[in-house]
Amino acid sequence: MNGCQKCIFFFSFNVQMYVLLFNLQTIRVETLHKLKGLAQSELVLGFS
């Protein structure tokens, strides 16, 4: 592999890792929102 190919390889690898991490963060945030919603509805049901 020459220098240029190495650059392209590392760049595409970094982009893939970034996309993966971004997707994981998004999933985590959505899960937290769902859990918060569930907890709030549980509280409402419990107190009513």
N, C-alpha and C. Protein backbone atom coordinates (compact mmCIF):
# COMPACT_ATOMS: atom_id res chain seq x y z
N MET A 1 0.85 -1.20 0.00
CA MET A 1 0.00 0.00 0.00
C MET A 1 0.88 1.24 0.00
N ASN A 2 0.64 2.14 -0.93
CA ASN A 2 1.41 3.39 -0.91
C ASN A 2 0.74 4.39 0.02
N GLY A 3 1.37 5.55 0.20
CA GLY A 3 0.88 6.54 1.16
C GLY A 3 -0.54 6.98 0.89
N CYS A 4 -0.86 7.18 -0.38
CA CYS A 4 -2.19 7.67 -0.74
C CYS A 4 -3.27 6.65 -0.37
N GLN A 5 -3.01 5.38 -0.67
CA GLN A 5 -3.98 4.33 -0.34
C GLN A 5 -4.17 4.25 1.17
N LYS A 6 -3.06 4.38 1.91
CA LYS A 6 -3.14 4.33 3.37
C LYS A 6 -4.03 5.45 3.89
N CYS A 7 -3.83 6.65 3.32
CA CYS A 7 -4.64 7.81 3.73
C CYS A 7 -6.12 7.53 3.52
N ILE A 8 -6.45 7.05 2.32
CA ILE A 8 -7.84 6.77 1.98
C ILE A 8 -8.40 5.70 2.90
N PHE A 9 -7.60 4.67 3.16
CA PHE A 9 -8.05 3.58 4.03
C PHE A 9 -8.37 4.10 5.42
N PHE A 10 -7.44 4.87 6.01
CA PHE A 10 -7.66 5.38 7.36
C PHE A 10 -8.83 6.35 7.40
N PHE A 11 -8.96 7.15 6.35
CA PHE A 11 -10.06 8.12 6.31
C PHE A 11 -11.41 7.40 6.29
N SER A 12 -11.54 6.40 5.41
CA SER A 12 -12.82 5.68 5.32
C SER A 12 -13.09 4.91 6.60
N PHE A 13 -12.04 4.37 7.22
CA PHE A 13 -12.20 3.64 8.48
C PHE A 13 -12.71 4.58 9.57
N ASN A 14 -12.11 5.78 9.65
CA ASN A 14 -12.52 6.76 10.65
C ASN A 14 -13.96 7.19 10.44
N VAL A 15 -14.35 7.37 9.18
CA VAL A 15 -15.72 7.77 8.87
C VAL A 15 -16.69 6.68 9.32
N GLN A 16 -16.34 5.42 9.05
CA GLN A 16 -17.20 4.31 9.46
C GLN A 16 -17.35 4.26 10.97
N MET A 17 -16.24 4.45 11.69
CA MET A 17 -16.29 4.42 13.15
C MET A 17 -17.15 5.57 13.67
N TYR A 18 -17.00 6.75 13.05
CA TYR A 18 -17.77 7.92 13.47
C TYR A 18 -19.26 7.68 13.27
N VAL A 19 -19.62 7.12 12.11
CA VAL A 19 -21.03 6.83 11.81
C VAL A 19 -21.58 5.82 12.80
N LEU A 20 -20.77 4.80 13.10
CA LEU A 20 -21.19 3.77 14.05
C LEU A 20 -21.45 4.38 15.43
N LEU A 21 -20.51 5.21 15.90
CA LEU A 21 -20.67 5.84 17.21
C LEU A 21 -21.88 6.76 17.22
N PHE A 22 -22.08 7.49 16.11
CA PHE A 22 -23.22 8.40 16.02
C PHE A 22 -24.53 7.62 16.11
N ASN A 23 -24.60 6.48 15.40
CA ASN A 23 -25.80 5.64 15.44
C ASN A 23 -26.04 5.11 16.84
N LEU A 24 -24.98 4.69 17.52
CA LEU A 24 -25.11 4.18 18.88
C LEU A 24 -25.64 5.27 19.81
N GLN A 25 -25.12 6.48 19.67
CA GLN A 25 -25.59 7.60 20.49
C GLN A 25 -27.07 7.85 20.25
N THR A 26 -27.48 7.83 18.97
CA THR A 26 -28.87 8.09 18.62
C THR A 26 -29.77 7.04 19.23
N ILE A 27 -29.36 5.78 19.14
CA ILE A 27 -30.15 4.68 19.71
C ILE A 27 -30.26 4.86 21.22
N ARG A 28 -29.15 5.24 21.85
CA ARG A 28 -29.14 5.40 23.30
C ARG A 28 -30.10 6.51 23.72
N VAL A 29 -30.07 7.63 22.99
CA VAL A 29 -30.94 8.76 23.31
C VAL A 29 -32.41 8.36 23.14
N GLU A 30 -32.72 7.65 22.05
CA GLU A 30 -34.10 7.21 21.82
C GLU A 30 -34.55 6.27 22.94
N THR A 31 -33.66 5.38 23.35
CA THR A 31 -33.99 4.43 24.42
C THR A 31 -34.25 5.19 25.72
N LEU A 32 -33.42 6.19 26.01
CA LEU A 32 -33.61 6.98 27.23
C LEU A 32 -34.95 7.70 27.20
N HIS A 33 -35.31 8.26 26.04
CA HIS A 33 -36.59 8.95 25.92
C HIS A 33 -37.74 7.98 26.17
N LYS A 34 -37.63 6.78 25.60
CA LYS A 34 -38.68 5.77 25.79
C LYS A 34 -38.79 5.39 27.26
N LEU A 35 -37.63 5.18 27.91
CA LEU A 35 -37.64 4.80 29.32
C LEU A 35 -38.23 5.91 30.18
N LYS A 36 -37.87 7.17 29.85
CA LYS A 36 -38.41 8.31 30.59
C LYS A 36 -39.92 8.36 30.44
N GLY A 37 -40.39 8.17 29.22
CA GLY A 37 -41.82 8.18 28.95
C GLY A 37 -42.53 7.09 29.73
N LEU A 38 -41.93 5.90 29.75
CA LEU A 38 -42.51 4.78 30.49
C LEU A 38 -42.55 5.10 31.98
N ALA A 39 -41.46 5.63 32.50
CA ALA A 39 -41.39 5.95 33.93
C ALA A 39 -42.44 6.99 34.29
N GLN A 40 -42.61 8.01 33.45
CA GLN A 40 -43.59 9.05 33.73
C GLN A 40 -45.00 8.49 33.70
N SER A 41 -45.30 7.63 32.73
CA SER A 41 -46.65 7.07 32.66
C SER A 41 -46.90 6.14 33.85
N GLU A 42 -45.85 5.44 34.29
CA GLU A 42 -45.98 4.57 35.47
C GLU A 42 -46.31 5.43 36.69
N LEU A 43 -45.61 6.56 36.83
CA LEU A 43 -45.84 7.44 37.97
C LEU A 43 -47.26 7.98 37.94
N VAL A 44 -47.71 8.39 36.76
CA VAL A 44 -49.06 8.94 36.62
C VAL A 44 -50.08 7.87 37.00
N LEU A 45 -49.87 6.65 36.51
CA LEU A 45 -50.79 5.56 36.83
C LEU A 45 -50.76 5.25 38.32
N GLY A 46 -49.55 5.32 38.90
CA GLY A 46 -49.41 4.99 40.31
C GLY A 46 -50.09 6.00 41.22
N PHE A 47 -50.06 7.27 40.82
CA PHE A 47 -50.60 8.32 41.69
C PHE A 47 -52.08 8.59 41.45
N SER A 48 -52.58 8.19 40.30
CA SER A 48 -53.98 8.50 40.00
C SER A 48 -54.92 7.55 40.73
